[in-house]
Amino acid sequence: MIVVIGCGNPNRLDDGSGIEVLRRLEARGLGRDAQRVRLLAAGTDGMATMFAARGCQTLIVVDACRSGSDPGAVFEVPGDELEQRYQPSLNLHDFRWDHALFAGRKVFREQFPSDVVVLLIEVQTTELGIGLSEPVSSAVAKVSDRIEDLVRSRLLARAETS
């Protein structure tokens, strides 16, 4: 199974880009066959990311980022390059998807996917509000296409080896 997780807060303008990508993929019918592809809007819940990834073969995470690049820039990175050890605090609100990748691998071991792709979209603004800036909206369209390509290629590769 392939799990696609959209992260972010849609009430913070461009931070909602991961959720918007999922909405577009859903509209295309990508998650219709839940036995093969599952879509999850995790918001800012790293724990949901960790548990949703358990048992899948491929995990695709999409989120907003702030790296200093031009708004709408897209980065595709292997998950193992971004996973981070979580430094425990008194709450889990700061347990993000990058922590979930690290913790999930430690907790679930071979039940956690080794095929993890992260797509990040550079934000223009994360002020309060609903909607995406123009450069981020354009990037969301590109990322939606890329995820659809990733999913199809992995499903095809699995069908060929079956």
N, C-alpha and C. Protein backbone atom coordinates (compact mmCIF):
# COMPACT_ATOMS: atom_id res chain seq x y z
N MET A 1 0.83 -1.18 0.00
CA MET A 1 0.00 0.00 0.00
C MET A 1 0.88 1.25 0.00
N ILE A 2 0.37 2.29 -0.62
CA ILE A 2 1.03 3.59 -0.65
C ILE A 2 0.19 4.55 0.19
N VAL A 3 0.85 5.26 1.09
CA VAL A 3 0.17 6.26 1.91
C VAL A 3 0.73 7.63 1.54
N VAL A 4 -0.18 8.56 1.25
CA VAL A 4 0.18 9.94 0.95
C VAL A 4 -0.37 10.79 2.08
N ILE A 5 0.51 11.50 2.77
CA ILE A 5 0.11 12.30 3.92
C ILE A 5 0.36 13.77 3.62
N GLY A 6 -0.70 14.56 3.75
CA GLY A 6 -0.59 16.01 3.60
C GLY A 6 -0.54 16.64 4.98
N CYS A 7 0.46 17.47 5.20
CA CYS A 7 0.63 18.13 6.49
C CYS A 7 0.43 19.63 6.34
N GLY A 8 0.18 20.28 7.47
CA GLY A 8 0.07 21.73 7.47
C GLY A 8 -1.22 22.21 8.09
N ASN A 9 -1.32 23.51 8.21
CA ASN A 9 -2.47 24.16 8.82
C ASN A 9 -3.14 25.05 7.77
N PRO A 10 -4.30 24.64 7.25
CA PRO A 10 -4.97 25.43 6.21
C PRO A 10 -5.50 26.78 6.69
N ASN A 11 -5.42 27.06 7.98
CA ASN A 11 -5.82 28.37 8.51
C ASN A 11 -4.64 29.33 8.57
N ARG A 12 -3.50 28.92 8.02
CA ARG A 12 -2.29 29.75 8.00
C ARG A 12 -1.80 29.92 6.57
N LEU A 13 -2.73 30.27 5.68
CA LEU A 13 -2.45 30.53 4.27
C LEU A 13 -1.58 29.43 3.64
N ASP A 14 -0.37 29.74 3.21
CA ASP A 14 0.45 28.78 2.46
C ASP A 14 0.82 27.53 3.25
N ASP A 15 0.72 27.58 4.57
CA ASP A 15 1.01 26.39 5.37
C ASP A 15 0.01 25.27 5.05
N GLY A 16 -1.11 25.60 4.44
CA GLY A 16 -2.10 24.60 4.07
C GLY A 16 -1.83 23.92 2.74
N SER A 17 -0.66 24.12 2.16
CA SER A 17 -0.37 23.56 0.83
C SER A 17 -0.43 22.03 0.81
N GLY A 18 0.04 21.37 1.84
CA GLY A 18 0.00 19.91 1.88
C GLY A 18 -1.42 19.37 1.89
N ILE A 19 -2.29 20.06 2.60
CA ILE A 19 -3.70 19.67 2.66
C ILE A 19 -4.37 19.91 1.30
N GLU A 20 -4.01 21.01 0.64
CA GLU A 20 -4.57 21.31 -0.68
C GLU A 20 -4.12 20.28 -1.72
N VAL A 21 -2.88 19.82 -1.63
CA VAL A 21 -2.42 18.77 -2.54
C VAL A 21 -3.31 17.54 -2.38
N LEU A 22 -3.59 17.15 -1.15
CA LEU A 22 -4.46 15.98 -0.91
C LEU A 22 -5.85 16.20 -1.49
N ARG A 23 -6.39 17.40 -1.29
CA ARG A 23 -7.72 17.69 -1.83
C ARG A 23 -7.74 17.50 -3.34
N ARG A 24 -6.70 17.96 -4.01
CA ARG A 24 -6.63 17.82 -5.47
C ARG A 24 -6.47 16.36 -5.88
N LEU A 25 -5.66 15.61 -5.16
CA LEU A 25 -5.47 14.19 -5.47
C LEU A 25 -6.77 13.42 -5.27
N GLU A 26 -7.48 13.77 -4.21
CA GLU A 26 -8.78 13.13 -3.95
C GLU A 26 -9.77 13.43 -5.07
N ALA A 27 -9.78 14.68 -5.54
CA ALA A 27 -10.68 15.08 -6.63
C ALA A 27 -10.36 14.31 -7.91
N ARG A 28 -9.10 13.92 -8.08
CA ARG A 28 -8.69 13.13 -9.25
C ARG A 28 -9.01 11.65 -9.07
N GLY A 29 -9.46 11.27 -7.87
CA GLY A 29 -9.80 9.88 -7.61
C GLY A 29 -8.63 9.02 -7.19
N LEU A 30 -7.52 9.64 -6.81
CA LEU A 30 -6.32 8.87 -6.50
C LEU A 30 -6.52 7.92 -5.31
N GLY A 31 -7.25 8.31 -4.30
CA GLY A 31 -7.42 7.45 -3.12
C GLY A 31 -8.64 6.56 -3.17
N ARG A 32 -9.23 6.41 -4.34
CA ARG A 32 -10.47 5.64 -4.47
C ARG A 32 -10.30 4.18 -4.05
N ASP A 33 -9.16 3.58 -4.38
CA ASP A 33 -8.88 2.20 -4.01
C ASP A 33 -8.02 2.21 -2.76
N ALA A 34 -8.68 2.22 -1.59
CA ALA A 34 -7.98 2.35 -0.31
C ALA A 34 -7.09 1.15 0.01
N GLN A 35 -7.24 0.06 -0.70
CA GLN A 35 -6.35 -1.09 -0.49
C GLN A 35 -4.97 -0.84 -1.10
N ARG A 36 -4.92 0.05 -2.08
CA ARG A 36 -3.66 0.32 -2.77
C ARG A 36 -3.07 1.69 -2.43
N VAL A 37 -3.93 2.70 -2.31
CA VAL A 37 -3.48 4.07 -2.04
C VAL A 37 -4.41 4.69 -1.01
N ARG A 38 -3.80 5.22 0.04
CA ARG A 38 -4.58 5.89 1.08
C ARG A 38 -4.08 7.32 1.24
N LEU A 39 -5.01 8.26 1.29
CA LEU A 39 -4.69 9.67 1.49
C LEU A 39 -5.08 10.06 2.91
N LEU A 40 -4.20 10.82 3.58
CA LEU A 40 -4.48 11.25 4.94
C LEU A 40 -4.05 12.69 5.12
N ALA A 41 -4.98 13.51 5.57
CA ALA A 41 -4.65 14.88 5.95
C ALA A 41 -4.29 14.85 7.44
N ALA A 42 -3.00 14.93 7.74
CA ALA A 42 -2.53 14.82 9.12
C ALA A 42 -2.46 16.18 9.82
N GLY A 43 -2.64 17.25 9.08
CA GLY A 43 -2.54 18.56 9.71
C GLY A 43 -1.16 18.76 10.30
N THR A 44 -1.10 19.00 11.59
CA THR A 44 0.18 19.19 12.27
C THR A 44 0.45 18.05 13.25
N ASP A 45 -0.22 16.92 13.06
CA ASP A 45 -0.16 15.78 13.98
C ASP A 45 0.89 14.76 13.55
N GLY A 46 2.08 14.86 14.11
CA GLY A 46 3.16 13.93 13.79
C GLY A 46 2.83 12.49 14.17
N MET A 47 2.11 12.31 15.26
CA MET A 47 1.73 10.95 15.69
C MET A 47 0.84 10.29 14.64
N ALA A 48 -0.08 11.04 14.06
CA ALA A 48 -0.94 10.49 13.01
C ALA A 48 -0.10 10.03 11.83
N THR A 49 0.93 10.79 11.50
CA THR A 49 1.83 10.42 10.43
C THR A 49 2.53 9.10 10.75
N MET A 50 3.04 8.99 11.95
CA MET A 50 3.76 7.78 12.34
C MET A 50 2.87 6.54 12.27
N PHE A 51 1.67 6.63 12.81
CA PHE A 51 0.79 5.47 12.83
C PHE A 51 0.22 5.15 11.45
N ALA A 52 -0.04 6.15 10.63
CA ALA A 52 -0.56 5.92 9.28
C ALA A 52 0.47 5.24 8.40
N ALA A 53 1.75 5.50 8.64
CA ALA A 53 2.81 4.92 7.82
C ALA A 53 3.07 3.45 8.16
N ARG A 54 2.71 3.04 9.32
CA ARG A 54 2.98 1.66 9.75
C ARG A 54 2.33 0.66 8.80
N GLY A 55 3.14 -0.22 8.27
CA GLY A 55 2.64 -1.29 7.42
C GLY A 55 2.55 -0.95 5.94
N CYS A 56 2.75 0.30 5.56
CA CYS A 56 2.69 0.62 4.13
C CYS A 56 4.06 0.34 3.51
N GLN A 57 4.08 0.24 2.19
CA GLN A 57 5.34 0.00 1.49
C GLN A 57 6.00 1.30 1.06
N THR A 58 5.17 2.29 0.74
CA THR A 58 5.67 3.59 0.31
C THR A 58 4.93 4.67 1.08
N LEU A 59 5.68 5.65 1.58
CA LEU A 59 5.11 6.80 2.25
C LEU A 59 5.54 8.05 1.50
N ILE A 60 4.56 8.88 1.17
CA ILE A 60 4.83 10.17 0.54
C ILE A 60 4.27 11.25 1.46
N VAL A 61 5.11 12.16 1.88
CA VAL A 61 4.71 13.26 2.77
C VAL A 61 4.84 14.55 1.99
N VAL A 62 3.83 15.40 2.10
CA VAL A 62 3.89 16.72 1.46
C VAL A 62 3.57 17.78 2.51
N ASP A 63 4.39 18.84 2.54
CA ASP A 63 4.23 19.87 3.54
C ASP A 63 4.81 21.18 3.00
N ALA A 64 4.52 22.24 3.71
CA ALA A 64 5.11 23.55 3.42
C ALA A 64 6.46 23.64 4.11
N CYS A 65 7.30 24.53 3.62
CA CYS A 65 8.59 24.76 4.29
C CYS A 65 8.96 26.23 4.17
N ARG A 66 9.95 26.59 4.95
CA ARG A 66 10.50 27.94 4.88
C ARG A 66 12.02 27.79 4.92
N SER A 67 12.63 27.82 3.73
CA SER A 67 14.07 27.63 3.62
C SER A 67 14.80 28.89 3.19
N GLY A 68 14.03 29.90 2.79
CA GLY A 68 14.64 31.11 2.26
C GLY A 68 14.67 31.13 0.74
N SER A 69 14.19 30.07 0.11
CA SER A 69 14.12 30.02 -1.36
C SER A 69 12.93 30.84 -1.84
N ASP A 70 12.80 30.96 -3.15
CA ASP A 70 11.68 31.69 -3.73
C ASP A 70 10.37 30.98 -3.39
N PRO A 71 9.31 31.74 -3.07
CA PRO A 71 8.01 31.13 -2.81
C PRO A 71 7.58 30.26 -3.99
N GLY A 72 7.07 29.08 -3.67
CA GLY A 72 6.63 28.15 -4.68
C GLY A 72 7.70 27.15 -5.11
N ALA A 73 8.93 27.32 -4.63
CA ALA A 73 9.98 26.34 -4.94
C ALA A 73 9.56 24.99 -4.36
N VAL A 74 9.89 23.93 -5.07
CA VAL A 74 9.52 22.58 -4.64
C VAL A 74 10.80 21.78 -4.42
N PHE A 75 10.83 21.06 -3.32
CA PHE A 75 11.96 20.21 -2.98
C PHE A 75 11.46 18.79 -2.82
N GLU A 76 12.12 17.85 -3.48
CA GLU A 76 11.81 16.43 -3.33
C GLU A 76 13.02 15.77 -2.68
N VAL A 77 12.80 15.22 -1.49
CA VAL A 77 13.90 14.73 -0.68
C VAL A 77 13.58 13.33 -0.15
N PRO A 78 14.55 12.41 -0.16
CA PRO A 78 14.31 11.12 0.48
C PRO A 78 14.06 11.32 1.98
N GLY A 79 13.10 10.61 2.50
CA GLY A 79 12.71 10.78 3.90
C GLY A 79 13.83 10.59 4.89
N ASP A 80 14.74 9.65 4.62
CA ASP A 80 15.80 9.39 5.58
C ASP A 80 16.76 10.57 5.73
N GLU A 81 16.76 11.49 4.78
CA GLU A 81 17.59 12.68 4.90
C GLU A 81 16.97 13.75 5.80
N LEU A 82 15.67 13.62 6.06
CA LEU A 82 14.98 14.65 6.83
C LEU A 82 14.53 14.19 8.22
N GLU A 83 14.55 12.89 8.46
CA GLU A 83 14.06 12.43 9.77
C GLU A 83 14.95 12.98 10.88
N GLN A 84 14.29 13.30 12.00
CA GLN A 84 15.00 13.88 13.14
C GLN A 84 14.58 13.20 14.43
N ARG A 85 15.54 13.04 15.31
CA ARG A 85 15.24 12.52 16.64
C ARG A 85 14.39 13.56 17.38
N TYR A 86 13.37 13.09 18.06
CA TYR A 86 12.50 13.97 18.84
C TYR A 86 13.09 14.20 20.22
N GLN A 87 13.16 15.43 20.64
CA GLN A 87 13.60 15.77 21.99
C GLN A 87 12.35 15.92 22.86
N PRO A 88 12.05 14.93 23.69
CA PRO A 88 10.80 14.94 24.46
C PRO A 88 10.61 16.20 25.30
N SER A 89 9.36 16.64 25.32
CA SER A 89 8.96 17.76 26.16
C SER A 89 7.69 17.34 26.89
N LEU A 90 7.02 18.27 27.50
CA LEU A 90 5.81 17.93 28.26
C LEU A 90 4.58 17.76 27.38
N ASN A 91 4.67 18.06 26.11
CA ASN A 91 3.53 17.86 25.22
C ASN A 91 4.01 17.33 23.88
N LEU A 92 3.09 16.77 23.12
CA LEU A 92 3.44 16.22 21.82
C LEU A 92 3.05 17.15 20.67
N HIS A 93 2.69 18.39 20.97
CA HIS A 93 2.31 19.33 19.91
C HIS A 93 3.49 19.68 19.02
N ASP A 94 4.70 19.48 19.53
CA ASP A 94 5.88 19.79 18.72
C ASP A 94 6.48 18.52 18.09
N PHE A 95 5.74 17.41 18.11
CA PHE A 95 6.16 16.15 17.47
C PHE A 95 5.67 16.22 16.03
N ARG A 96 6.61 16.53 15.11
CA ARG A 96 6.26 16.76 13.71
C ARG A 96 6.49 15.50 12.88
N TRP A 97 6.18 15.60 11.58
CA TRP A 97 6.35 14.45 10.69
C TRP A 97 7.80 14.01 10.58
N ASP A 98 8.77 14.95 10.66
CA ASP A 98 10.17 14.55 10.58
C ASP A 98 10.58 13.73 11.80
N HIS A 99 9.98 14.04 12.95
CA HIS A 99 10.19 13.22 14.15
C HIS A 99 9.49 11.87 13.98
N ALA A 100 8.32 11.90 13.35
CA ALA A 100 7.56 10.66 13.13
C ALA A 100 8.34 9.68 12.27
N LEU A 101 9.08 10.18 11.28
CA LEU A 101 9.88 9.30 10.44
C LEU A 101 10.96 8.60 11.27
N PHE A 102 11.62 9.35 12.11
CA PHE A 102 12.66 8.77 12.96
C PHE A 102 12.05 7.79 13.97
N ALA A 103 11.03 8.23 14.68
CA ALA A 103 10.42 7.39 15.73
C ALA A 103 9.74 6.16 15.13
N GLY A 104 9.05 6.33 14.02
CA GLY A 104 8.38 5.21 13.39
C GLY A 104 9.34 4.11 12.99
N ARG A 105 10.50 4.51 12.49
CA ARG A 105 11.52 3.52 12.11
C ARG A 105 12.04 2.78 13.34
N LYS A 106 12.19 3.48 14.46
CA LYS A 106 12.66 2.86 15.70
C LYS A 106 11.59 1.97 16.34
N VAL A 107 10.36 2.45 16.36
CA VAL A 107 9.27 1.74 17.04
C VAL A 107 8.77 0.56 16.21
N PHE A 108 8.49 0.78 14.93
CA PHE A 108 7.84 -0.24 14.11
C PHE A 108 8.83 -1.07 13.29
N ARG A 109 10.07 -0.68 13.27
CA ARG A 109 11.16 -1.40 12.60
C ARG A 109 10.80 -1.81 11.18
N GLU A 110 10.74 -3.11 10.87
CA GLU A 110 10.48 -3.57 9.50
C GLU A 110 9.06 -3.29 9.04
N GLN A 111 8.16 -2.91 9.94
CA GLN A 111 6.80 -2.54 9.54
C GLN A 111 6.70 -1.08 9.11
N PHE A 112 7.81 -0.35 9.18
CA PHE A 112 7.82 1.04 8.75
C PHE A 112 8.45 1.10 7.36
N PRO A 113 7.89 1.88 6.45
CA PRO A 113 8.39 1.88 5.07
C PRO A 113 9.81 2.40 4.95
N SER A 114 10.57 1.76 4.07
CA SER A 114 11.90 2.27 3.76
C SER A 114 11.83 3.22 2.56
N ASP A 115 10.76 3.11 1.78
CA ASP A 115 10.55 3.97 0.62
C ASP A 115 9.74 5.19 1.06
N VAL A 116 10.43 6.27 1.42
CA VAL A 116 9.78 7.49 1.91
C VAL A 116 10.26 8.66 1.07
N VAL A 117 9.31 9.39 0.51
CA VAL A 117 9.60 10.58 -0.30
C VAL A 117 8.90 11.76 0.36
N VAL A 118 9.61 12.86 0.50
CA VAL A 118 9.04 14.07 1.08
C VAL A 118 9.08 15.16 0.02
N LEU A 119 7.94 15.80 -0.20
CA LEU A 119 7.85 16.95 -1.11
C LEU A 119 7.52 18.17 -0.27
N LEU A 120 8.36 19.18 -0.40
CA LEU A 120 8.20 20.41 0.38
C LEU A 120 7.98 21.57 -0.57
N ILE A 121 7.06 22.45 -0.18
CA ILE A 121 6.72 23.63 -0.98
C ILE A 121 7.08 24.87 -0.18
N GLU A 122 7.93 25.70 -0.75
CA GLU A 122 8.35 26.93 -0.09
C GLU A 122 7.18 27.90 0.01
N VAL A 123 6.92 28.40 1.22
CA VAL A 123 5.80 29.31 1.45
C VAL A 123 6.18 30.75 1.11
N GLN A 124 5.14 31.53 0.86
CA GLN A 124 5.31 32.98 0.75
C GLN A 124 4.90 33.62 2.07
N THR A 125 3.79 33.10 2.66
CA THR A 125 3.31 33.64 3.92
C THR A 125 2.58 32.57 4.71
N THR A 126 2.66 32.68 6.02
CA THR A 126 1.91 31.79 6.90
C THR A 126 1.06 32.60 7.89
N GLU A 127 0.69 33.78 7.46
CA GLU A 127 -0.21 34.60 8.26
C GLU A 127 -1.55 33.88 8.40
N LEU A 128 -2.35 34.30 9.37
CA LEU A 128 -3.68 33.72 9.52
C LEU A 128 -4.54 34.05 8.31
N GLY A 129 -5.29 33.08 7.86
CA GLY A 129 -6.17 33.26 6.72
C GLY A 129 -6.32 31.95 5.97
N ILE A 130 -7.22 31.94 5.00
CA ILE A 130 -7.48 30.74 4.22
C ILE A 130 -7.15 31.03 2.76
N GLY A 131 -6.49 30.09 2.13
CA GLY A 131 -6.12 30.24 0.72
C GLY A 131 -4.62 30.19 0.55
N LEU A 132 -4.21 30.11 -0.70
CA LEU A 132 -2.79 30.01 -1.02
C LEU A 132 -2.37 31.19 -1.88
N SER A 133 -1.13 31.62 -1.72
CA SER A 133 -0.59 32.65 -2.60
C SER A 133 -0.45 32.06 -4.00
N GLU A 134 -0.31 32.90 -4.99
CA GLU A 134 -0.24 32.44 -6.38
C GLU A 134 0.95 31.50 -6.63
N PRO A 135 2.17 31.84 -6.15
CA PRO A 135 3.28 30.92 -6.42
C PRO A 135 3.12 29.56 -5.73
N VAL A 136 2.53 29.56 -4.55
CA VAL A 136 2.33 28.29 -3.84
C VAL A 136 1.20 27.49 -4.49
N SER A 137 0.17 28.17 -4.96
CA SER A 137 -0.91 27.47 -5.67
C SER A 137 -0.38 26.78 -6.94
N SER A 138 0.50 27.46 -7.65
CA SER A 138 1.12 26.85 -8.84
C SER A 138 1.97 25.65 -8.46
N ALA A 139 2.70 25.77 -7.36
CA ALA A 139 3.53 24.65 -6.89
C ALA A 139 2.67 23.48 -6.45
N VAL A 140 1.52 23.75 -5.84
CA VAL A 140 0.60 22.68 -5.43
C VAL A 140 0.17 21.87 -6.65
N ALA A 141 -0.11 22.53 -7.76
CA ALA A 141 -0.49 21.82 -8.98
C ALA A 141 0.64 20.91 -9.46
N LYS A 142 1.88 21.42 -9.43
CA LYS A 142 3.03 20.62 -9.86
C LYS A 142 3.27 19.44 -8.93
N VAL A 143 3.15 19.68 -7.63
CA VAL A 143 3.37 18.61 -6.66
C VAL A 143 2.28 17.54 -6.77
N SER A 144 1.05 17.96 -7.02
CA SER A 144 -0.04 16.99 -7.21
C SER A 144 0.27 16.09 -8.40
N ASP A 145 0.74 16.67 -9.50
CA ASP A 145 1.13 15.88 -10.67
C ASP A 145 2.27 14.93 -10.33
N ARG A 146 3.27 15.43 -9.62
CA ARG A 146 4.43 14.61 -9.27
C ARG A 146 4.02 13.43 -8.38
N ILE A 147 3.16 13.67 -7.42
CA ILE A 147 2.72 12.58 -6.54
C ILE A 147 1.94 11.55 -7.33
N GLU A 148 1.09 12.01 -8.22
CA GLU A 148 0.35 11.07 -9.06
C GLU A 148 1.32 10.20 -9.88
N ASP A 149 2.38 10.81 -10.41
CA ASP A 149 3.40 10.06 -11.15
C ASP A 149 4.12 9.05 -10.24
N LEU A 150 4.49 9.48 -9.04
CA LEU A 150 5.16 8.59 -8.10
C LEU A 150 4.28 7.39 -7.75
N VAL A 151 3.02 7.65 -7.49
CA VAL A 151 2.09 6.58 -7.12
C VAL A 151 1.94 5.61 -8.28
N ARG A 152 1.68 6.12 -9.46
CA ARG A 152 1.49 5.24 -10.63
C ARG A 152 2.74 4.40 -10.91
N SER A 153 3.92 5.01 -10.83
CA SER A 153 5.14 4.25 -11.12
C SER A 153 5.37 3.16 -10.09
N ARG A 154 5.08 3.42 -8.84
CA ARG A 154 5.27 2.40 -7.81
C ARG A 154 4.22 1.29 -7.93
N LEU A 155 2.99 1.64 -8.26
CA LEU A 155 1.96 0.62 -8.46
C LEU A 155 2.31 -0.25 -9.66
N LEU A 156 2.79 0.37 -10.73
CA LEU A 156 3.17 -0.38 -11.92
C LEU A 156 4.33 -1.32 -11.62
N ALA A 157 5.33 -0.83 -10.88
CA ALA A 157 6.49 -1.66 -10.54
C ALA A 157 6.06 -2.85 -9.69
N ARG A 158 5.13 -2.64 -8.78
CA ARG A 158 4.65 -3.76 -7.95
C ARG A 158 3.85 -4.76 -8.77
N ALA A 159 3.08 -4.27 -9.71
CA ALA A 159 2.29 -5.17 -10.57
C ALA A 159 3.22 -6.03 -11.43
N GLU A 160 4.32 -5.45 -11.89
CA GLU A 160 5.26 -6.18 -12.73
C GLU A 160 6.01 -7.26 -11.95
N THR A 161 6.21 -7.06 -10.64
CA THR A 161 6.94 -8.04 -9.84
C THR A 161 6.01 -9.09 -9.23
N SER A 162 4.72 -8.91 -9.37
CA SER A 162 3.75 -9.87 -8.80
C SER A 162 3.52 -11.05 -9.70
